């Protein structure tokens, strides 16, 4: 009798745990994201320009605000042709470390800018501060890096 009761408690505990995870992980949020034709500097960015190899570049996104689990495009553009041949970057959580998320840049001749599509996960914090670390390499092999932060808000 006691064995049956223990088995029954375990069974209902597992069912309750499964239901809890199902509810907690369900996506009830609106996944619509407004994408912009022209990239902009968003309000939560720590800086709108960066300097690499003594040239200033604009840092802009194709969305008005960055939202967890929603893709975005990061654009790096300047008045002068870029003095670097390779641009790499990653996103890391500053409020809470969540690993490094790589960004893969390619040069777009039409917009004359470096562009990378990015995405980051959500966390338990209502407002999360993220850091993007950029590393540029010129044709002579010199490397220069910089970073900036931005905020995301859970939906």
Protein backbone atom coordinates (compact mmCIF):
# COMPACT_ATOMS: atom_id res chain seq x y z
CA UNK A 1 0.00 0.00 0.00
CA UNK A 2 2.78 2.41 0.94
CA UNK A 3 4.64 1.55 -2.31
CA UNK A 4 1.54 2.32 -4.38
CA UNK A 5 1.12 5.65 -2.63
CA UNK A 6 4.78 6.60 -3.25
CA UNK A 7 4.45 5.65 -6.92
CA UNK A 8 1.25 7.69 -7.19
CA UNK A 9 2.90 10.76 -5.59
CA UNK A 10 5.86 10.46 -7.98
CA UNK A 11 3.53 10.11 -10.97
CA UNK A 12 1.49 13.21 -10.06
CA UNK A 13 4.64 15.16 -9.23
CA UNK A 14 6.04 14.41 -12.68
CA UNK A 15 2.74 15.41 -14.32
CA UNK A 16 2.67 18.68 -12.35
CA UNK A 17 6.30 19.38 -13.23
CA UNK A 18 5.61 18.72 -16.92
CA UNK A 19 2.60 21.07 -16.86
CA UNK A 20 4.65 23.76 -15.13
CA UNK A 21 7.41 23.56 -17.77
CA UNK A 22 4.84 23.55 -20.58
CA UNK A 23 3.23 26.72 -19.28
CA UNK A 24 6.54 28.45 -18.50
CA UNK A 25 8.03 27.68 -21.90
CA UNK A 26 4.99 28.44 -24.04
CA UNK A 27 5.31 31.36 -26.43
CA UNK A 28 2.33 33.62 -25.78
CA UNK A 29 4.17 36.74 -26.84
CA UNK A 30 3.70 38.70 -30.01
CA UNK A 31 6.66 37.90 -32.24
CA UNK A 32 6.11 40.78 -34.62
CA UNK A 33 9.13 43.02 -35.04
CA UNK A 34 9.12 46.23 -37.04
CA UNK A 35 12.08 46.26 -39.42
CA UNK A 36 13.37 49.56 -40.79
CA UNK A 37 14.53 50.31 -44.33
CA UNK A 38 17.28 52.60 -43.06
CA UNK A 39 19.34 51.48 -40.04
CA UNK A 40 19.25 53.80 -37.02
CA UNK A 41 21.09 54.36 -33.77
CA UNK A 42 18.70 53.10 -31.11
CA UNK A 43 17.98 54.83 -27.79
CA UNK A 44 19.58 52.14 -25.64
CA UNK A 45 22.97 52.16 -27.43
CA UNK A 46 25.88 53.46 -25.35
CA UNK A 47 27.36 55.06 -28.46
CA UNK A 48 26.32 55.63 -32.07
CA UNK A 49 29.83 55.87 -33.50
CA UNK A 50 32.96 53.81 -33.03
CA UNK A 51 36.54 54.48 -34.06
CA UNK A 52 38.69 51.86 -35.76
CA UNK A 53 42.08 52.68 -37.28
CA UNK A 54 41.44 56.41 -36.65
CA UNK A 55 38.25 56.43 -38.74
CA UNK A 56 34.78 56.97 -37.27
CA UNK A 57 32.01 54.56 -38.22
CA UNK A 58 28.28 54.76 -37.56
CA UNK A 59 26.76 51.85 -35.66
CA UNK A 60 23.11 51.27 -36.50
CA UNK A 61 20.38 48.63 -36.29
CA UNK A 62 17.45 47.83 -38.57
CA UNK A 63 15.00 47.84 -35.63
CA UNK A 64 13.89 50.56 -33.21
CA UNK A 65 14.51 48.35 -30.18
CA UNK A 66 16.27 45.06 -29.69
CA UNK A 67 14.11 42.25 -28.37
CA UNK A 68 15.22 38.82 -27.16
CA UNK A 69 14.78 35.99 -29.67
CA UNK A 70 14.09 38.42 -32.54
CA UNK A 71 16.63 38.76 -35.38
CA UNK A 72 18.22 42.10 -36.21
CA UNK A 73 20.84 43.47 -38.60
CA UNK A 74 23.80 45.46 -37.29
CA UNK A 75 25.38 47.89 -39.79
CA UNK A 76 28.81 49.52 -39.50
CA UNK A 77 29.35 52.30 -42.06
CA UNK A 78 31.62 55.29 -42.54
CA UNK A 79 32.25 58.26 -44.79
CA UNK A 80 35.55 56.75 -45.89
CA UNK A 81 35.99 53.29 -47.31
CA UNK A 82 36.80 50.99 -44.43
CA UNK A 83 40.47 50.64 -43.64
CA UNK A 84 40.03 47.07 -42.48
CA UNK A 85 39.67 43.88 -44.47
CA UNK A 86 38.00 41.71 -41.84
CA UNK A 87 35.43 42.51 -39.17
CA UNK A 88 34.36 40.02 -36.51
CA UNK A 89 32.23 40.49 -33.42
CA UNK A 90 30.36 38.80 -30.64
CA UNK A 91 27.58 39.67 -28.21
CA UNK A 92 27.90 38.91 -24.52
CA UNK A 93 25.62 39.63 -21.61
CA UNK A 94 26.85 42.33 -19.28
CA UNK A 95 24.02 42.11 -16.74
CA UNK A 96 24.24 38.33 -16.75
CA UNK A 97 26.84 36.26 -18.58
CA UNK A 98 25.12 34.04 -21.14
CA UNK A 99 28.09 32.99 -23.25
CA UNK A 100 29.44 34.64 -26.39
CA UNK A 101 27.18 34.87 -29.44
CA UNK A 102 29.18 35.35 -32.65
CA UNK A 103 28.27 37.90 -35.33
CA UNK A 104 29.49 37.20 -38.85
CA UNK A 105 29.99 40.33 -40.93
CA UNK A 106 30.08 40.69 -44.68
CA UNK A 107 30.65 43.84 -46.69
CA UNK A 108 27.62 45.10 -48.63
CA UNK A 109 28.72 47.11 -51.69
CA UNK A 110 25.24 48.61 -52.24
CA UNK A 111 25.07 50.26 -48.83
CA UNK A 112 28.86 50.45 -48.47
CA UNK A 113 28.62 49.02 -44.98
CA UNK A 114 29.56 45.94 -43.00
CA UNK A 115 26.45 44.01 -41.98
CA UNK A 116 25.76 41.10 -39.67
CA UNK A 117 22.52 39.45 -38.66
CA UNK A 118 22.25 38.76 -34.96
CA UNK A 119 20.01 37.19 -32.39
CA UNK A 120 20.27 36.80 -28.62
CA UNK A 121 18.30 34.81 -26.10
CA UNK A 122 16.07 35.96 -23.30
CA UNK A 123 16.87 35.73 -19.64
CA UNK A 124 15.06 36.21 -16.36
CA UNK A 125 16.07 39.88 -16.06
CA UNK A 126 13.36 42.32 -17.26
CA UNK A 127 16.06 44.65 -18.66
CA UNK A 128 19.30 43.15 -19.91
CA UNK A 129 22.48 45.05 -20.84
CA UNK A 130 24.47 43.45 -23.65
CA UNK A 131 27.92 44.28 -25.01
CA UNK A 132 28.99 43.94 -28.64
CA UNK A 133 32.74 43.53 -29.01
CA UNK A 134 34.09 44.30 -32.49
CA UNK A 135 37.51 43.34 -33.81
CA UNK A 136 38.85 44.68 -37.11
CA UNK A 137 41.91 43.50 -38.99
CA UNK A 138 43.58 45.61 -41.68
CA UNK A 139 45.42 44.37 -44.76
CA UNK A 140 48.75 44.48 -42.90
CA UNK A 141 47.49 42.20 -40.12
CA UNK A 142 47.05 44.91 -37.49
CA UNK A 143 44.13 44.29 -35.15
CA UNK A 144 42.04 46.88 -33.35
CA UNK A 145 38.99 46.32 -31.18
CA UNK A 146 36.22 48.35 -29.58
CA UNK A 147 32.88 47.70 -27.93
CA UNK A 148 29.55 49.28 -27.08
CA UNK A 149 26.50 48.30 -25.04
CA UNK A 150 22.77 48.24 -25.61
CA UNK A 151 19.70 47.24 -23.61
CA UNK A 152 16.98 44.76 -24.37
CA UNK A 153 13.66 44.40 -22.59
CA UNK A 154 11.66 41.24 -22.21
CA UNK A 155 8.35 41.48 -23.99
